[in-house]
């Protein structure tokens, strides 16, 4: 009888952990969906820290700092991305790795179409290389590679820090 109760308790504990994990995953997706529908965004700067990624952003003159567990490898400090936030509670936000921000004073833009998609790209992550001033750089970017017509894409490079680059279909200026 005790063995059955122990097995039942263990099974219940495992199911509880699985349900909590599923809830966290689905609530994270729901949060992102909600934030994207809000349509409100600002510029956020990435900071790589020991335990992961943090980012800061300003809404109505107030600076907020948040952390995000998931971050693609290959990010550098001070990269600039779009941050979407809750209009009723700007502390609730998420960084949108699919939308790098180009129109900031930190970026001197050049365009290159000579990039190369390399390696084992997952459905969510593109790994690409490009050459700038004789140096070869490898970068990562979140995107669904199977749904992109990469013939229309360019690499935008920060002239001062060429590792700060983005793959985009935004037209070159």
N, C-alpha and C. Protein backbone atom coordinates (compact mmCIF):
# COMPACT_ATOMS: atom_id res chain seq x y z
N UNK A 1 0.82 -1.19 0.00
CA UNK A 1 0.00 0.00 0.00
C UNK A 1 0.86 1.26 0.00
N UNK A 2 1.96 1.23 0.83
CA UNK A 2 2.84 2.39 0.88
C UNK A 2 3.52 2.63 -0.45
N UNK A 3 3.90 1.54 -1.15
CA UNK A 3 4.54 1.70 -2.46
C UNK A 3 3.60 2.36 -3.45
N UNK A 4 2.33 1.96 -3.43
CA UNK A 4 1.35 2.56 -4.33
C UNK A 4 1.18 4.05 -4.03
N UNK A 5 1.13 4.39 -2.74
CA UNK A 5 0.99 5.79 -2.36
C UNK A 5 2.22 6.59 -2.77
N UNK A 6 3.41 6.00 -2.60
CA UNK A 6 4.65 6.68 -2.99
C UNK A 6 4.68 6.90 -4.50
N UNK A 7 4.30 5.87 -5.25
CA UNK A 7 4.27 6.00 -6.72
C UNK A 7 3.25 7.05 -7.15
N UNK A 8 2.11 7.03 -6.50
CA UNK A 8 1.07 8.01 -6.82
C UNK A 8 1.53 9.43 -6.49
N UNK A 9 2.19 9.60 -5.35
CA UNK A 9 2.70 10.92 -4.96
C UNK A 9 3.78 11.38 -5.94
N UNK A 10 4.67 10.47 -6.33
CA UNK A 10 5.73 10.80 -7.29
C UNK A 10 5.12 11.19 -8.64
N UNK A 11 4.14 10.42 -9.09
CA UNK A 11 3.48 10.72 -10.35
C UNK A 11 2.79 12.09 -10.28
N UNK A 12 2.13 12.37 -9.18
CA UNK A 12 1.46 13.66 -9.01
C UNK A 12 2.45 14.81 -9.03
N UNK A 13 3.59 14.62 -8.38
CA UNK A 13 4.63 15.65 -8.37
C UNK A 13 5.17 15.90 -9.77
N UNK A 14 5.43 14.83 -10.50
CA UNK A 14 5.94 14.96 -11.87
C UNK A 14 4.92 15.69 -12.74
N UNK A 15 3.66 15.33 -12.63
CA UNK A 15 2.62 15.98 -13.43
C UNK A 15 2.50 17.47 -13.07
N UNK A 16 2.65 17.79 -11.79
CA UNK A 16 2.59 19.18 -11.37
C UNK A 16 3.73 19.99 -11.99
N UNK A 17 4.94 19.42 -11.98
CA UNK A 17 6.10 20.09 -12.58
C UNK A 17 5.89 20.28 -14.08
N UNK A 18 5.38 19.25 -14.76
CA UNK A 18 5.12 19.34 -16.20
C UNK A 18 4.08 20.42 -16.48
N UNK A 19 3.01 20.45 -15.70
CA UNK A 19 1.96 21.45 -15.91
C UNK A 19 2.47 22.87 -15.67
N UNK A 20 3.28 23.06 -14.64
CA UNK A 20 3.85 24.38 -14.36
C UNK A 20 4.75 24.81 -15.51
N UNK A 21 5.58 23.90 -16.00
CA UNK A 21 6.46 24.21 -17.14
C UNK A 21 5.66 24.57 -18.37
N UNK A 22 4.62 23.82 -18.65
CA UNK A 22 3.77 24.12 -19.81
C UNK A 22 3.10 25.47 -19.65
N UNK A 23 2.61 25.75 -18.45
CA UNK A 23 1.96 27.04 -18.20
C UNK A 23 2.93 28.20 -18.43
N UNK A 24 4.17 28.04 -17.94
CA UNK A 24 5.16 29.11 -18.12
C UNK A 24 5.47 29.31 -19.59
N UNK A 25 5.59 28.22 -20.34
CA UNK A 25 5.86 28.35 -21.77
C UNK A 25 4.69 29.02 -22.49
N UNK A 26 3.48 28.57 -22.19
CA UNK A 26 2.32 29.14 -22.88
C UNK A 26 2.07 30.57 -22.44
N UNK A 27 2.30 30.88 -21.16
CA UNK A 27 2.09 32.26 -20.72
C UNK A 27 3.14 33.18 -21.31
N UNK A 28 4.37 32.69 -21.53
CA UNK A 28 5.40 33.48 -22.20
C UNK A 28 4.99 33.79 -23.62
N UNK A 29 4.44 32.81 -24.32
CA UNK A 29 3.96 33.01 -25.69
C UNK A 29 2.78 33.98 -25.69
N UNK A 30 1.86 33.81 -24.73
CA UNK A 30 0.71 34.70 -24.64
C UNK A 30 1.16 36.13 -24.35
N UNK A 31 2.17 36.28 -23.48
CA UNK A 31 2.69 37.60 -23.16
C UNK A 31 3.24 38.26 -24.42
N UNK A 32 4.04 37.51 -25.18
CA UNK A 32 4.64 38.06 -26.40
C UNK A 32 3.55 38.43 -27.39
N UNK A 33 2.54 37.57 -27.56
CA UNK A 33 1.43 37.88 -28.47
C UNK A 33 0.71 39.15 -28.04
N UNK A 34 0.44 39.26 -26.74
CA UNK A 34 -0.25 40.44 -26.21
C UNK A 34 0.57 41.69 -26.46
N UNK A 35 1.87 41.62 -26.17
CA UNK A 35 2.73 42.79 -26.34
C UNK A 35 2.82 43.19 -27.81
N UNK A 36 2.92 42.21 -28.70
CA UNK A 36 3.01 42.53 -30.12
C UNK A 36 1.72 43.19 -30.61
N UNK A 37 0.59 42.77 -30.07
CA UNK A 37 -0.69 43.37 -30.47
C UNK A 37 -0.85 44.79 -29.93
N UNK A 38 -0.12 45.12 -28.86
CA UNK A 38 -0.23 46.47 -28.30
C UNK A 38 0.29 47.50 -29.28
N UNK A 39 1.24 47.09 -30.11
CA UNK A 39 1.77 48.00 -31.12
C UNK A 39 2.69 49.06 -30.58
N UNK A 40 2.97 49.06 -29.30
CA UNK A 40 3.84 50.07 -28.72
C UNK A 40 5.25 49.53 -28.61
N UNK A 41 6.21 50.32 -29.08
CA UNK A 41 7.58 49.86 -29.06
C UNK A 41 8.51 51.05 -28.85
N UNK A 42 9.67 50.74 -28.37
CA UNK A 42 10.72 51.73 -28.19
C UNK A 42 12.05 51.06 -28.49
N UNK A 43 13.13 51.78 -28.35
CA UNK A 43 14.45 51.22 -28.61
C UNK A 43 15.03 50.70 -27.30
N UNK A 44 15.61 49.51 -27.34
CA UNK A 44 16.25 48.93 -26.17
C UNK A 44 17.69 48.56 -26.48
N UNK A 45 18.55 48.68 -25.49
CA UNK A 45 19.96 48.31 -25.65
C UNK A 45 20.23 47.03 -24.87
N UNK A 46 20.93 46.11 -25.53
CA UNK A 46 21.24 44.81 -24.95
C UNK A 46 22.47 44.93 -24.05
N UNK A 47 22.44 44.22 -22.94
CA UNK A 47 23.61 44.08 -22.06
C UNK A 47 23.76 42.60 -21.73
N UNK A 48 24.91 42.03 -22.08
CA UNK A 48 25.17 40.63 -21.79
C UNK A 48 25.69 40.53 -20.37
N UNK A 49 25.07 39.68 -19.57
CA UNK A 49 25.48 39.52 -18.18
C UNK A 49 25.78 38.06 -17.91
N UNK A 50 26.34 37.80 -16.74
CA UNK A 50 26.75 36.44 -16.39
C UNK A 50 25.61 35.45 -16.51
N UNK A 51 24.45 35.79 -16.04
CA UNK A 51 23.32 34.85 -16.04
C UNK A 51 22.39 35.02 -17.22
N UNK A 52 22.80 35.77 -18.22
CA UNK A 52 21.94 35.90 -19.38
C UNK A 52 21.95 37.28 -19.97
N UNK A 53 20.81 37.69 -20.41
CA UNK A 53 20.67 38.92 -21.17
C UNK A 53 19.79 39.90 -20.41
N UNK A 54 20.20 41.15 -20.37
CA UNK A 54 19.32 42.19 -19.86
C UNK A 54 19.24 43.28 -20.92
N UNK A 55 18.25 44.10 -20.81
CA UNK A 55 18.10 45.20 -21.75
C UNK A 55 17.45 46.36 -21.03
N UNK A 56 17.77 47.56 -21.49
CA UNK A 56 17.18 48.76 -20.90
C UNK A 56 16.49 49.55 -21.99
N UNK A 57 15.47 50.30 -21.59
CA UNK A 57 14.69 51.09 -22.53
C UNK A 57 14.01 52.22 -21.77
N UNK A 58 13.57 53.23 -22.50
CA UNK A 58 12.94 54.40 -21.89
C UNK A 58 11.52 54.55 -22.44
N UNK A 59 10.56 54.74 -21.53
CA UNK A 59 9.17 55.02 -21.89
C UNK A 59 8.74 56.24 -21.09
N UNK A 60 8.29 57.28 -21.78
CA UNK A 60 7.84 58.51 -21.13
C UNK A 60 8.86 59.07 -20.14
N UNK A 61 10.12 59.03 -20.51
CA UNK A 61 11.18 59.59 -19.68
C UNK A 61 11.64 58.70 -18.54
N UNK A 62 11.05 57.53 -18.37
CA UNK A 62 11.43 56.60 -17.30
C UNK A 62 12.24 55.46 -17.90
N UNK A 63 13.40 55.17 -17.30
CA UNK A 63 14.24 54.08 -17.78
C UNK A 63 13.85 52.79 -17.06
N UNK A 64 13.64 51.75 -17.85
CA UNK A 64 13.33 50.43 -17.32
C UNK A 64 14.44 49.47 -17.70
N UNK A 65 14.66 48.47 -16.85
CA UNK A 65 15.64 47.44 -17.16
C UNK A 65 14.98 46.09 -16.91
N UNK A 66 15.06 45.22 -17.88
CA UNK A 66 14.47 43.89 -17.76
C UNK A 66 15.49 42.84 -18.15
N UNK A 67 15.19 41.63 -17.80
CA UNK A 67 16.03 40.49 -18.18
C UNK A 67 15.19 39.54 -19.01
N UNK A 68 15.85 38.80 -19.82
CA UNK A 68 15.18 37.81 -20.65
C UNK A 68 16.05 36.57 -20.67
N UNK A 69 15.45 35.43 -20.39
CA UNK A 69 16.24 34.20 -20.34
C UNK A 69 16.78 33.80 -21.69
N UNK A 70 15.95 33.85 -22.70
CA UNK A 70 16.37 33.38 -24.02
C UNK A 70 17.14 34.47 -24.75
N UNK A 71 18.31 34.13 -25.22
CA UNK A 71 19.05 35.07 -26.08
C UNK A 71 19.90 34.26 -27.04
N UNK A 72 19.91 34.64 -28.29
CA UNK A 72 20.74 33.91 -29.24
C UNK A 72 22.21 34.18 -28.98
N UNK A 73 23.03 33.20 -29.28
CA UNK A 73 24.47 33.40 -29.14
C UNK A 73 24.92 34.42 -30.17
N UNK A 74 26.02 35.06 -29.90
CA UNK A 74 26.58 35.99 -30.87
C UNK A 74 26.13 37.42 -30.69
N UNK A 75 25.37 37.71 -29.63
CA UNK A 75 24.99 39.09 -29.36
C UNK A 75 26.14 39.82 -28.69
N UNK A 76 26.19 41.11 -28.87
CA UNK A 76 27.21 41.93 -28.24
C UNK A 76 26.54 43.02 -27.41
N UNK A 77 27.27 43.50 -26.41
CA UNK A 77 26.77 44.61 -25.60
C UNK A 77 26.46 45.81 -26.49
N UNK A 78 25.44 46.52 -26.12
CA UNK A 78 25.02 47.76 -26.78
C UNK A 78 24.36 47.56 -28.14
N UNK A 79 24.06 46.34 -28.53
CA UNK A 79 23.26 46.20 -29.75
C UNK A 79 21.88 46.78 -29.47
N UNK A 80 21.26 47.31 -30.48
CA UNK A 80 20.00 48.02 -30.34
C UNK A 80 18.88 47.22 -31.01
N UNK A 81 17.82 46.95 -30.25
CA UNK A 81 16.68 46.21 -30.77
C UNK A 81 15.39 46.91 -30.38
N UNK A 82 14.33 46.51 -31.05
CA UNK A 82 13.00 47.01 -30.72
C UNK A 82 12.53 46.31 -29.45
N UNK A 83 11.98 47.07 -28.52
CA UNK A 83 11.38 46.53 -27.30
C UNK A 83 9.89 46.84 -27.36
N UNK A 84 9.08 45.80 -27.22
CA UNK A 84 7.63 46.01 -27.18
C UNK A 84 7.20 45.96 -25.72
N UNK A 85 6.25 46.82 -25.36
CA UNK A 85 5.88 46.91 -23.95
C UNK A 85 4.38 47.08 -23.79
N UNK A 86 3.92 46.79 -22.58
CA UNK A 86 2.51 46.91 -22.22
C UNK A 86 2.18 48.39 -22.01
N UNK A 87 1.18 48.92 -22.71
CA UNK A 87 0.87 50.34 -22.55
C UNK A 87 0.38 50.70 -21.15
N UNK A 88 -0.23 49.75 -20.46
CA UNK A 88 -0.74 50.03 -19.12
C UNK A 88 0.32 49.83 -18.04
N UNK A 89 1.34 49.03 -18.35
CA UNK A 89 2.40 48.76 -17.39
C UNK A 89 3.71 48.62 -18.17
N UNK A 90 4.41 49.72 -18.44
CA UNK A 90 5.60 49.66 -19.28
C UNK A 90 6.73 48.79 -18.74
N UNK A 91 6.63 48.39 -17.46
CA UNK A 91 7.65 47.48 -16.92
C UNK A 91 7.56 46.11 -17.57
N UNK A 92 6.39 45.76 -18.08
CA UNK A 92 6.18 44.47 -18.74
C UNK A 92 6.57 44.64 -20.20
N UNK A 93 7.63 43.94 -20.60
CA UNK A 93 8.14 44.14 -21.96
C UNK A 93 8.82 42.87 -22.44
N UNK A 94 9.16 42.90 -23.70
CA UNK A 94 9.93 41.81 -24.29
C UNK A 94 10.75 42.41 -25.43
N UNK A 95 11.97 41.92 -25.56
CA UNK A 95 12.82 42.40 -26.65
C UNK A 95 12.48 41.59 -27.90
N UNK A 96 12.40 42.25 -29.02
CA UNK A 96 12.02 41.61 -30.28
C UNK A 96 13.28 41.43 -31.11
N UNK A 97 13.86 40.23 -31.07
CA UNK A 97 15.11 39.96 -31.79
C UNK A 97 14.91 39.92 -33.29
N UNK A 98 13.68 39.93 -33.74
CA UNK A 98 13.46 39.93 -35.19
C UNK A 98 13.50 41.33 -35.76
N UNK A 99 13.60 42.33 -34.91
CA UNK A 99 13.54 43.72 -35.38
C UNK A 99 14.69 44.55 -34.85
N UNK A 100 15.86 44.43 -35.45
CA UNK A 100 16.93 45.33 -35.05
C UNK A 100 16.57 46.76 -35.44
N UNK A 101 17.09 47.71 -34.72
CA UNK A 101 16.78 49.11 -34.96
C UNK A 101 17.96 49.75 -35.66
N UNK A 102 17.71 50.37 -36.79
CA UNK A 102 18.79 50.96 -37.58
C UNK A 102 18.86 52.46 -37.44
N UNK A 103 17.75 53.12 -37.24
CA UNK A 103 17.72 54.57 -37.29
C UNK A 103 18.10 55.19 -35.95
N UNK A 104 19.29 54.90 -35.48
CA UNK A 104 19.82 55.52 -34.27
C UNK A 104 21.16 56.14 -34.63
N UNK A 105 21.57 57.09 -33.84
CA UNK A 105 22.83 57.78 -34.14
C UNK A 105 24.03 56.86 -33.99
N UNK A 106 23.87 55.73 -33.34
CA UNK A 106 25.00 54.83 -33.12
C UNK A 106 25.42 54.10 -34.39
N UNK A 107 24.56 54.10 -35.40
CA UNK A 107 24.83 53.26 -36.56
C UNK A 107 25.10 54.07 -37.81
N UNK A 108 26.28 53.85 -38.37
CA UNK A 108 26.58 54.34 -39.71
C UNK A 108 26.35 53.16 -40.63
N UNK A 109 25.42 53.29 -41.54
CA UNK A 109 24.98 52.11 -42.28
C UNK A 109 25.68 51.99 -43.63
N UNK A 110 26.07 50.78 -43.94
CA UNK A 110 26.45 50.43 -45.29
C UNK A 110 25.68 49.17 -45.62
N UNK A 111 25.54 48.86 -46.86
CA UNK A 111 24.81 47.65 -47.24
C UNK A 111 25.73 46.73 -48.01
N UNK A 112 25.58 45.46 -47.74
CA UNK A 112 26.30 44.45 -48.50
C UNK A 112 25.30 43.38 -48.88
N UNK A 113 25.36 42.94 -50.11
CA UNK A 113 24.54 41.82 -50.47
C UNK A 113 25.38 40.55 -50.52
N UNK A 114 26.67 40.67 -50.24
CA UNK A 114 27.56 39.52 -50.34
C UNK A 114 27.65 38.70 -49.08
N UNK A 115 26.53 38.42 -48.46
CA UNK A 115 26.57 37.57 -47.27
C UNK A 115 26.36 36.12 -47.66
N UNK A 116 26.60 35.23 -46.72
CA UNK A 116 26.44 33.81 -46.99
C UNK A 116 25.78 33.16 -45.79
N UNK A 117 24.71 32.43 -46.04
CA UNK A 117 24.07 31.65 -44.98
C UNK A 117 24.90 30.39 -44.79
N UNK A 118 25.28 30.10 -43.56
CA UNK A 118 26.20 28.99 -43.31
C UNK A 118 25.65 28.04 -42.26
N UNK A 119 26.14 26.81 -42.32
CA UNK A 119 25.95 25.85 -41.25
C UNK A 119 24.55 25.31 -41.10
N UNK A 120 24.36 24.71 -39.95
CA UNK A 120 23.10 24.05 -39.62
C UNK A 120 22.16 25.06 -38.98
N UNK A 121 21.40 25.74 -39.80
CA UNK A 121 20.47 26.72 -39.28
C UNK A 121 19.23 26.02 -38.75
N UNK A 122 18.82 26.42 -37.56
CA UNK A 122 17.57 25.90 -37.04
C UNK A 122 16.45 26.67 -37.72
N UNK A 123 15.21 26.22 -37.58
CA UNK A 123 14.11 26.97 -38.18
C UNK A 123 13.99 28.39 -37.62
N UNK A 124 14.51 28.63 -36.41
CA UNK A 124 14.36 29.93 -35.78
C UNK A 124 15.60 30.80 -35.85
N UNK A 125 16.73 30.26 -36.27
CA UNK A 125 17.98 31.00 -36.17
C UNK A 125 18.78 30.89 -37.46
N UNK A 126 19.18 32.02 -38.01
CA UNK A 126 20.01 32.05 -39.21
C UNK A 126 21.43 32.40 -38.78
N UNK A 127 22.38 31.64 -39.26
CA UNK A 127 23.79 31.95 -39.05
C UNK A 127 24.32 32.43 -40.39
N UNK A 128 24.95 33.59 -40.42
CA UNK A 128 25.43 34.11 -41.68
C UNK A 128 26.83 34.72 -41.51
N UNK A 129 27.58 34.76 -42.58
CA UNK A 129 28.89 35.40 -42.57
C UNK A 129 28.91 36.49 -43.63
N UNK A 130 29.76 37.47 -43.40
CA UNK A 130 29.97 38.53 -44.38
C UNK A 130 31.38 39.06 -44.20
N UNK A 131 31.85 39.75 -45.21
CA UNK A 131 33.20 40.31 -45.18
C UNK A 131 33.10 41.83 -45.14
N UNK A 132 33.93 42.43 -44.30
CA UNK A 132 33.99 43.88 -44.21
C UNK A 132 35.43 44.30 -43.97
N UNK A 133 35.96 45.13 -44.85
CA UNK A 133 37.35 45.59 -44.77
C UNK A 133 38.34 44.43 -44.63
N UNK A 134 38.09 43.35 -45.33
CA UNK A 134 38.99 42.21 -45.32
C UNK A 134 38.80 41.24 -44.18
N UNK A 135 37.97 41.57 -43.20
CA UNK A 135 37.70 40.68 -42.07
C UNK A 135 36.39 39.95 -42.32
N UNK A 136 36.32 38.69 -41.88
CA UNK A 136 35.11 37.89 -42.03
C UNK A 136 34.42 37.82 -40.66
N UNK A 137 33.14 38.10 -40.64
CA UNK A 137 32.35 38.09 -39.42
C UNK A 137 31.25 37.05 -39.54
N UNK A 138 30.99 36.35 -38.44
CA UNK A 138 29.87 35.41 -38.37
C UNK A 138 28.88 35.96 -37.35
N UNK A 139 27.62 36.00 -37.72
CA UNK A 139 26.58 36.52 -36.84
C UNK A 139 25.39 35.58 -36.83
N UNK A 140 24.53 35.76 -35.85
CA UNK A 140 23.31 34.98 -35.71
C UNK A 140 22.13 35.94 -35.67
N UNK A 141 21.03 35.51 -36.20
CA UNK A 141 19.82 36.33 -36.14
C UNK A 141 18.60 35.43 -36.12
N UNK A 142 17.65 35.79 -35.29
CA UNK A 142 16.41 35.02 -35.23
C UNK A 142 15.57 35.34 -36.45
N UNK A 143 15.19 34.32 -37.15
CA UNK A 143 14.31 34.46 -38.32
C UNK A 143 13.96 33.06 -38.79
N UNK A 144 12.87 32.93 -39.49
CA UNK A 144 12.48 31.65 -40.04
C UNK A 144 13.08 31.54 -41.44
N UNK A 145 14.23 30.88 -41.53
CA UNK A 145 14.98 30.83 -42.79
C UNK A 145 14.19 30.18 -43.91
N UNK A 146 13.33 29.25 -43.58
CA UNK A 146 12.59 28.54 -44.63
C UNK A 146 11.55 29.44 -45.30
N UNK A 147 11.17 30.54 -44.66
CA UNK A 147 10.15 31.42 -45.22
C UNK A 147 10.72 32.70 -45.82
N UNK A 148 12.04 32.81 -45.91
CA UNK A 148 12.64 34.04 -46.41
C UNK A 148 13.15 33.86 -47.83
N UNK A 149 12.95 34.87 -48.64
CA UNK A 149 13.58 34.94 -49.95
C UNK A 149 14.86 35.75 -49.75
N UNK A 150 15.95 35.05 -49.44
CA UNK A 150 17.18 35.73 -49.04
C UNK A 150 17.86 36.46 -50.19
N UNK A 151 17.38 36.29 -51.41
CA UNK A 151 17.96 37.04 -52.52
C UNK A 151 17.66 38.54 -52.38
N UNK A 152 16.66 38.88 -51.59
CA UNK A 152 16.30 40.29 -51.38
C UNK A 152 16.84 40.85 -50.07
N UNK A 153 17.76 40.14 -49.43
CA UNK A 153 18.26 40.56 -48.13
C UNK A 153 19.65 41.16 -48.23
N UNK A 154 19.94 42.06 -47.29
CA UNK A 154 21.23 42.73 -47.21
C UNK A 154 21.76 42.62 -45.79
N UNK A 155 23.05 42.79 -45.64
CA UNK A 155 23.65 42.93 -44.32
C UNK A 155 23.91 44.41 -44.10
N UNK A 156 23.38 44.94 -43.02
CA UNK A 156 23.67 46.32 -42.63
C UNK A 156 24.77 46.25 -41.59
N UNK A 157 25.82 47.01 -41.78
CA UNK A 157 27.01 46.91 -40.93
C UNK A 157 27.26 48.26 -40.26
N UNK A 158 27.56 48.21 -38.97
CA UNK A 158 28.00 49.40 -38.26
C UNK A 158 29.47 49.61 -38.61
N UNK A 159 29.81 50.73 -39.24
CA UNK A 159 31.18 50.97 -39.70
C UNK A 159 32.17 50.98 -38.55
N UNK A 160 31.78 51.52 -37.40
CA UNK A 160 32.69 51.59 -36.26
C UNK A 160 32.87 50.25 -35.56
N UNK A 161 31.83 49.43 -35.53
CA UNK A 161 31.88 48.12 -34.89
C UNK A 161 31.21 47.12 -35.83
N UNK A 162 31.96 46.59 -36.79
CA UNK A 162 31.35 45.74 -37.82
C UNK A 162 30.67 44.49 -37.30
N UNK A 163 31.02 44.04 -36.08
CA UNK A 163 30.31 42.87 -35.55
C UNK A 163 28.85 43.20 -35.25
N UNK A 164 28.52 44.49 -35.15
CA UNK A 164 27.13 44.89 -34.96
C UNK A 164 26.48 45.01 -36.32
N UNK A 165 25.94 43.90 -36.78
CA UNK A 165 25.35 43.86 -38.12
C UNK A 165 24.00 43.17 -38.05
N UNK A 166 23.21 43.37 -39.10
CA UNK A 166 21.89 42.76 -39.15
C UNK A 166 21.58 42.35 -40.57
N UNK A 167 20.90 41.24 -40.69
CA UNK A 167 20.41 40.76 -41.97
C UNK A 167 18.98 41.27 -42.12
N UNK A 168 18.70 41.98 -43.20
CA UNK A 168 17.38 42.59 -43.34
C UNK A 168 17.00 42.74 -44.80
N UNK A 169 15.72 42.84 -45.04
CA UNK A 169 15.26 43.13 -46.40
C UNK A 169 14.91 44.61 -46.55
N UNK A 170 15.26 45.42 -45.56
CA UNK A 170 15.06 46.86 -45.67
C UNK A 170 15.93 47.38 -46.81
N UNK A 171 15.42 48.24 -47.65
CA UNK A 171 16.22 48.71 -48.78
C UNK A 171 17.41 49.53 -48.33
N UNK A 172 18.49 49.43 -49.08
CA UNK A 172 19.68 50.23 -48.78
C UNK A 172 19.42 51.68 -49.15
N UNK A 173 19.97 52.57 -48.38
CA UNK A 173 19.80 54.01 -48.66
C UNK A 173 21.02 54.53 -49.38
